[in-house]
Structure formats: structure tokens, C-alpha cells
Protein backbone atom coordinates (compact mmCIF):
# COMPACT_ATOMS: atom_id res chain seq x y z
CA MET A 1 -28.94 10.90 -23.27
CA SER A 2 -25.76 9.84 -21.30
CA VAL A 3 -24.10 6.64 -22.32
CA TYR A 4 -24.25 5.78 -18.62
CA GLN A 5 -28.05 5.59 -18.57
CA ASN A 6 -28.04 2.33 -20.25
CA LYS A 7 -26.97 -0.36 -17.95
CA PRO A 8 -27.10 -4.07 -17.94
CA GLN A 9 -30.04 -5.89 -16.05
CA SER A 10 -29.00 -6.08 -12.24
CA PHE A 11 -27.28 -9.66 -11.41
CA PHE A 12 -26.20 -9.72 -7.76
CA GLU A 13 -28.37 -10.90 -4.78
CA LEU A 14 -27.91 -8.49 -2.09
CA VAL A 15 -27.89 -10.37 1.40
CA VAL A 16 -27.26 -7.22 3.35
CA HIS A 17 -27.53 -3.52 1.91
CA ASP A 18 -27.56 -0.99 4.88
CA LEU A 19 -26.75 2.61 4.35
CA LYS A 20 -27.47 3.75 7.85
CA ARG A 21 -24.51 2.40 9.49
CA SER A 22 -20.97 3.57 9.40
CA PRO A 23 -19.20 2.27 7.17
CA GLY A 24 -22.11 1.37 5.15
CA LEU A 25 -22.52 -2.38 4.02
CA THR A 26 -23.53 -4.17 1.03
CA GLY A 27 -22.88 -8.02 0.75
CA ALA A 28 -23.44 -9.21 -2.80
CA PHE A 29 -23.11 -12.77 -3.99
CA ALA A 30 -23.77 -14.54 -7.57
CA GLY A 31 -26.59 -17.03 -6.41
CA TYR A 32 -26.68 -20.66 -7.52
CA GLU A 33 -27.91 -22.45 -10.61
CA SER A 34 -28.21 -26.23 -11.04
CA GLY A 35 -26.44 -26.75 -7.61
CA GLU A 36 -23.51 -24.89 -8.52
CA TRP A 37 -22.15 -21.32 -7.77
CA ARG A 38 -22.87 -19.19 -10.52
CA PHE A 39 -19.24 -18.13 -11.54
CA GLU A 40 -19.81 -18.57 -15.20
CA GLN A 41 -23.05 -16.42 -15.23
CA MET A 42 -21.05 -13.86 -12.99
CA ALA A 43 -18.12 -13.85 -15.65
CA GLU A 44 -20.84 -13.22 -18.14
CA TYR A 45 -22.34 -10.23 -16.50
CA LEU A 46 -19.03 -8.58 -15.39
CA PHE A 47 -18.01 -8.56 -19.06
CA GLU A 48 -21.04 -6.80 -20.08
CA TRP A 49 -19.64 -3.77 -18.20
CA LEU A 50 -16.07 -3.98 -19.87
CA PRO A 51 -16.55 -1.35 -22.32
CA GLU A 52 -17.26 1.59 -20.34
CA PHE A 53 -14.60 0.13 -17.49
CA ALA A 54 -12.04 0.27 -20.06
CA LEU A 55 -12.66 3.18 -22.47
CA LYS A 56 -13.09 6.85 -22.10
CA TYR A 57 -16.48 8.53 -22.42
CA SER A 58 -15.98 9.90 -25.95
CA ASP A 59 -15.43 6.18 -27.16
CA LEU A 60 -18.60 5.00 -25.56
CA GLU A 61 -20.31 7.70 -27.28
CA ASP A 62 -19.33 6.28 -30.73
CA ILE A 63 -20.15 2.90 -30.10
CA ASN A 64 -22.93 1.52 -32.43
CA SER A 65 -24.22 -1.77 -33.89
CA GLY A 66 -21.49 -1.48 -36.57
CA THR A 67 -18.51 -0.80 -34.13
CA ALA A 68 -19.44 -2.64 -31.03
CA ARG A 69 -17.22 -5.77 -31.68
CA GLN A 70 -14.38 -3.68 -32.31
CA SER A 71 -14.93 -1.66 -29.16
CA LEU A 72 -15.03 -4.74 -26.96
CA ARG A 73 -11.84 -6.08 -28.48
CA LYS A 74 -10.10 -2.71 -27.98
CA ALA A 75 -11.53 -2.80 -24.27
CA ALA A 76 -10.41 -6.57 -23.71
CA LYS A 77 -6.81 -5.69 -24.84
CA ILE A 78 -6.76 -2.54 -22.68
CA VAL A 79 -7.56 -4.75 -19.61
CA TYR A 80 -4.36 -6.79 -20.16
CA ASN A 81 -2.95 -9.26 -22.28
CA THR A 82 -0.74 -11.68 -20.16
CA GLU A 83 -1.03 -15.37 -18.90
CA LYS A 84 -0.08 -13.73 -15.34
CA TYR A 85 -3.70 -13.21 -15.06
CA SER A 86 -4.01 -14.99 -11.47
CA ARG A 87 -1.79 -12.19 -9.94
CA ARG A 88 -3.54 -9.26 -11.32
CA GLY A 89 -6.13 -6.85 -10.03
CA GLU A 90 -8.02 -5.75 -12.97
CA PHE A 91 -10.67 -8.32 -12.33
CA GLY A 92 -11.29 -7.00 -9.02
CA GLU A 93 -11.55 -3.36 -10.20
CA LEU A 94 -14.09 -4.41 -12.84
CA LEU A 95 -16.04 -6.34 -10.08
CA LEU A 96 -16.25 -2.89 -7.90
CA HIS A 97 -17.06 -1.06 -11.13
CA ALA A 98 -20.17 -3.30 -11.74
CA LEU A 99 -21.21 -3.06 -7.91
CA ILE A 100 -20.96 0.76 -7.61
CA ARG A 101 -22.93 1.22 -10.84
CA GLU A 102 -25.68 -1.40 -10.18
CA VAL A 103 -26.15 -0.51 -6.38
CA PHE A 104 -25.62 3.35 -6.64
CA ASN A 105 -26.32 4.46 -10.25
CA SER A 106 -22.76 5.94 -10.23
CA GLN A 107 -20.99 7.29 -13.23
CA PRO A 108 -17.31 6.56 -13.81
CA ALA A 109 -15.48 9.90 -14.01
CA ILE A 110 -12.33 8.49 -15.77
CA SER A 111 -11.25 4.83 -16.79
CA LYS A 112 -7.50 4.83 -15.58
CA LEU A 113 -6.98 1.49 -17.36
CA TYR A 114 -7.36 3.64 -20.78
CA TYR A 115 -4.41 5.74 -19.87
CA LYS A 116 -1.74 2.95 -18.99
CA SER A 117 1.64 3.67 -20.50
CA ALA A 118 1.74 0.11 -21.77
CA ILE A 119 -0.74 -2.57 -21.93
CA ASN A 120 0.68 -4.85 -19.17
CA ASP A 121 1.45 -2.02 -16.71
CA PRO A 122 -0.34 -2.42 -13.39
CA VAL A 123 -2.57 0.67 -12.45
CA LYS A 124 -1.34 2.59 -9.36
CA GLY A 125 -3.53 4.96 -7.26
CA PHE A 126 -7.30 4.27 -6.53
CA ASP A 127 -9.00 1.45 -8.15
CA ALA A 128 -12.06 3.35 -9.21
CA VAL A 129 -13.03 6.89 -9.58
CA HIS A 130 -16.61 7.37 -9.82
CA VAL A 131 -19.25 10.16 -8.89
CA VAL A 132 -22.89 9.73 -7.65
CA GLU A 133 -25.01 12.69 -8.08
CA ASN A 134 -26.44 14.00 -4.94
CA GLY A 135 -29.02 16.82 -5.66
CA ASP A 136 -27.00 19.52 -7.36
CA GLU A 137 -23.75 18.41 -5.97
CA LEU A 138 -21.17 15.49 -6.92
CA GLU A 139 -20.23 12.64 -4.32
CA LEU A 140 -16.57 11.48 -5.28
CA TRP A 141 -16.06 7.71 -4.88
CA LEU A 142 -12.65 6.82 -4.82
CA GLY A 143 -12.51 2.96 -4.72
CA GLU A 144 -10.20 0.43 -3.27
CA VAL A 145 -10.20 -3.28 -3.97
CA LYS A 146 -8.67 -6.40 -2.49
CA PHE A 147 -9.55 -9.39 -4.99
CA TYR A 148 -8.51 -12.09 -2.41
CA LYS A 149 -9.33 -15.73 -0.96
CA GLU A 150 -8.69 -15.00 2.59
CA VAL A 151 -10.75 -12.04 4.20
CA ASN A 152 -8.64 -11.24 7.08
CA ALA A 153 -5.48 -10.62 4.94
CA ALA A 154 -7.55 -8.51 2.74
CA ILE A 155 -8.69 -6.26 5.52
CA ARG A 156 -5.12 -5.89 6.93
CA GLU A 157 -3.93 -4.69 3.60
CA ILE A 158 -7.01 -2.57 2.29
CA VAL A 159 -6.86 -0.64 5.85
CA ILE A 160 -3.05 0.27 5.31
CA GLU A 161 -3.67 1.42 1.72
CA ILE A 162 -6.87 3.59 2.62
CA ASN A 163 -4.78 5.28 5.13
CA ALA A 164 -1.76 5.72 2.75
CA HIS A 165 -4.00 7.00 0.02
CA LEU A 166 -5.84 9.69 2.07
CA ASN A 167 -2.60 11.36 2.92
CA ALA A 168 -2.81 15.18 1.49
CA ASP A 169 0.07 14.82 -0.52
CA TYR A 170 -0.91 11.61 -2.11
CA LEU A 171 -4.46 13.09 -2.68
CA ARG A 172 -3.15 16.23 -4.11
CA ASP A 173 -0.81 14.11 -6.72
CA GLU A 174 -3.78 11.83 -7.40
CA PHE A 175 -6.20 14.50 -8.22
CA ILE A 176 -3.76 16.42 -10.67
CA LEU A 177 -3.67 12.82 -12.47
CA ILE A 178 -7.40 12.57 -12.58
CA ALA A 179 -8.05 16.02 -13.86
CA THR A 180 -5.97 15.46 -16.74
CA LYS A 181 -7.95 12.36 -17.79
CA ILE A 182 -11.70 13.58 -17.26
CA ASP A 183 -13.11 13.43 -20.76
CA PRO A 184 -14.36 17.07 -21.75
CA LYS A 185 -17.56 15.58 -23.33
CA TRP A 186 -18.98 14.08 -19.76
CA LYS A 187 -21.53 16.39 -18.57
CA HIS A 188 -19.76 16.41 -14.91
CA SER A 189 -16.42 17.12 -16.10
CA GLU A 190 -16.17 20.82 -15.09
CA LYS A 191 -17.80 20.40 -11.88
CA LEU A 192 -15.53 17.61 -11.08
CA ARG A 193 -12.71 19.49 -12.11
CA ARG A 194 -13.58 22.38 -9.68
CA LEU A 195 -14.03 20.00 -6.59
CA ILE A 196 -10.65 18.42 -6.97
CA SER A 197 -8.70 21.67 -7.96
CA GLU A 198 -5.94 22.64 -5.84
CA ARG A 199 -7.61 25.92 -5.02
CA THR A 200 -10.48 23.73 -3.28
CA SER A 201 -9.63 22.91 0.55
CA LEU A 202 -9.23 19.29 1.36
CA ASP A 203 -11.85 19.80 4.30
CA THR A 204 -14.22 20.83 1.37
CA VAL A 205 -13.14 17.63 -0.66
CA PHE A 206 -13.47 15.16 2.34
CA LYS A 207 -17.18 16.31 2.97
CA ARG A 208 -17.95 15.06 -0.56
CA VAL A 209 -15.78 11.92 -0.83
CA CYS A 210 -16.81 8.12 -0.12
CA ILE A 211 -14.44 5.29 -0.41
CA PRO A 212 -16.09 2.26 -1.58
CA VAL A 213 -14.19 -0.83 -0.54
CA LEU A 214 -14.55 -4.14 -2.00
CA LEU A 215 -13.34 -6.98 -0.41
CA THR A 216 -13.71 -10.44 -1.99
CA TYR A 217 -13.05 -14.04 -0.38
CA GLU A 218 -13.78 -17.65 -0.37
CA SER A 219 -16.95 -18.13 1.53
CA PRO A 220 -17.22 -21.18 3.57
CA THR A 221 -21.16 -20.97 3.35
CA ILE A 222 -21.23 -20.58 -0.30
CA ILE A 223 -19.02 -23.47 -0.80
CA LYS A 224 -20.69 -25.89 1.74
CA ASN A 225 -24.20 -24.99 0.01
CA ASN A 226 -25.63 -25.49 -3.46
CA GLU A 227 -29.24 -23.53 -3.09
CA ILE A 228 -30.57 -20.55 -1.65
CA SER A 229 -32.66 -21.29 1.39
CA ASP A 230 -33.45 -19.31 4.71
CA VAL A 231 -30.67 -21.51 6.62
CA PHE A 232 -28.33 -20.29 3.79
CA TYR A 233 -29.17 -16.63 3.94
CA ASN A 234 -28.80 -16.57 7.75
CA ALA A 235 -25.48 -18.17 7.79
CA LEU A 236 -24.40 -15.79 5.00
CA LYS A 237 -25.77 -12.73 6.67
CA LYS A 238 -24.07 -13.73 9.82
CA GLU A 239 -20.83 -14.27 8.07
CA VAL A 240 -20.79 -10.91 6.13
CA GLU A 241 -21.87 -9.10 9.55
CA VAL A 242 -18.86 -10.70 11.30
CA ILE A 243 -16.29 -9.51 8.36
CA HIS A 244 -18.13 -5.91 8.72
CA GLU A 245 -17.50 -5.90 12.49
CA ASN A 246 -13.65 -6.79 12.03
CA PHE A 247 -13.40 -4.18 9.25
CA SER A 248 -14.72 -1.48 11.27
CA LYS A 249 -12.30 -2.23 14.18
CA ALA A 250 -9.39 -2.54 11.88
CA GLY A 251 -8.16 1.33 12.17
CA ILE A 252 -10.05 2.56 9.35
CA PRO A 253 -9.97 6.70 8.98
CA GLU A 254 -12.90 8.71 10.05
CA ILE A 255 -14.25 9.32 6.17
CA LYS A 256 -17.36 8.12 4.62
CA ILE A 257 -16.60 4.46 3.60
CA HIS A 258 -19.09 1.92 2.07
CA LEU A 259 -17.96 -1.69 2.27
CA PHE A 260 -18.71 -4.25 -0.46
CA LEU A 261 -18.21 -7.83 0.69
CA ALA A 262 -18.60 -10.32 -2.48
CA PRO A 263 -18.28 -13.73 -1.25
CA LEU A 264 -17.09 -16.37 -3.56
CA GLY A 265 -17.00 -20.21 -4.08
CA GLU A 266 -13.76 -21.10 -5.43
CA LYS A 267 -12.15 -17.86 -6.93
CA LYS A 268 -9.97 -19.93 -9.42
CA LYS A 269 -12.86 -20.93 -11.24
CA LEU A 270 -13.97 -17.43 -11.61
CA ILE A 271 -10.76 -15.99 -12.62
CA ASP A 272 -10.46 -18.84 -15.31
CA ALA A 273 -14.06 -18.11 -16.51
CA LEU A 274 -13.01 -14.43 -16.87
CA HIS A 275 -9.70 -15.08 -18.50
CA GLU A 276 -11.00 -17.17 -21.00
CA LYS A 277 -13.66 -14.56 -22.12
CA LEU A 278 -10.93 -12.10 -22.06
CA GLU A 279 -8.93 -14.23 -24.53
CA GLY A 280 -11.92 -14.79 -26.83
CA MET A 281 -12.65 -11.14 -27.16
CA GLN A 282 -9.47 -10.30 -28.26
CA ARG A 283 -9.60 -12.49 -31.33
């Protein structure tokens, strides 16, 4: 049985989930508890994904009751070990990982964090490399994240980044790096290597690529409410729909894209909760 078949229980409320439009749209939020946005519960949930986010497939296969804590500490150290956490993107990448896994039952093809040259190095390239099984074929999901407070700035920067990363020369270089990092024990390793091989036309690859895009932002709707109601749902759905429309008009390329929107309360509260957990796990 694949290690990816065991997943944490679903956490997010999906205010919108639409695969028919282009780009696709999923709006996911953490909900409330005792009148407060569930940032602590969200941090707890995200760290359930930490080992498979940060470790390679072979390491995950070796985890058992005796090695679980050691593996968790190893994963926490790989993510990073720095006080400059407010300027780092790993938490956004962890959130995207969790959302793709939860909503689309994807499998991570590689953990780019595992192969960083030094603990505190930022990871360049795509923010996630997953696959989704589509019959006998694989769909390659190459993720992009902007873990921001302000959504319009996130849209501007993510569109520039997507267009740059879909340049043919950039993709070829990225595929070479990805191919060297695929764990041979993973069941899809050879199939993915063939897909991203330089012998495979990019025309063929583009037909089987999806760009999952995650934008976070501090949501006025979440901040001014403290419980879920019909009024709240309608307001949040409208907010998400407006952002989707703005993103769609921002000059995105003609390729399959799925937009994840994660409206937050106060972003700093979530970052502080995640950082506290990360520090605790490294002890």
C-alpha cells in the first residue's frame, strides 16, 4: 500500500469548488471555534502533513511507531531553522501541499525541500510538484504560491511568475532537476520520468499539466465575523468570486490552471502558531 493512501482527516470548509470553469476555483477556509478564526487548529492540521511535505518517499516508507518522532524532528529541521520566518515561503508551500492532497488526492512527486543545499536556503522553481492520476495517465501539477496579506499584490506577482516559469527553456531546466530527485521506490517514478524527458515534446507535456495556484490574503469577511451563517457564506463566496474574476483577467497563460484561494483572518497569528509548532518539533 502506498504511503500516500493514509491522509489526515479533511479540515477545510470549501465555500466554492468548481472544476467546470477556467481557471478552476476552490475557496477554502478554516472556520471558527468559540467565536474565533481557527488559526491554531489550522496550524495543527498543516503540521500533520509535514513529514510527507519535507521527506522523500523512501523515508516515509520507513516511518513506524518507533521512528515517527525522529522523522518529525527531521522534517521540521528541513523546513528551516531561522528566526526570519515571517519572510519565508515554506508555510505557503505546506498549505498548497495540504490543499492539493486533500481536495484532489494528489501524490507529491518530489519533496524539493529535502534536496536543499543548506537548511536555510530558499527553494527556487515551482512551489509544488505533484501528480494526479487520470485513468492510466498522470497529470503533472506544478504549483505556485503567494502567501500574502493583500490579494491584489499576490495576483500581480503570481501572474508574472507563472508566465516566466512556463518558458520552454525554464521548464526544460526544471524538468532535469525534478527527474534527478524522483525516488525510484515511488510507483509512478518511471512514468513521470518519461513524461518530463527531453525526448517528450512540450506540446505533449502541456496537455497533461495543471498549474495549481494558491493565493492567501487577509479576508475582511472572516475578520468581521465570528461564526458561520448564511450571511457569512454569501459574503465570503462573493469575495472569492471577485478575486477569481480579477485573477482570470490578469494575463494568465492559456494552460490548465486551478486557483486555490485561502482567505485568512490575521495572517500573523497563523504564522506565529506555525512557527511555535516548528520550534517545538525540533527539540
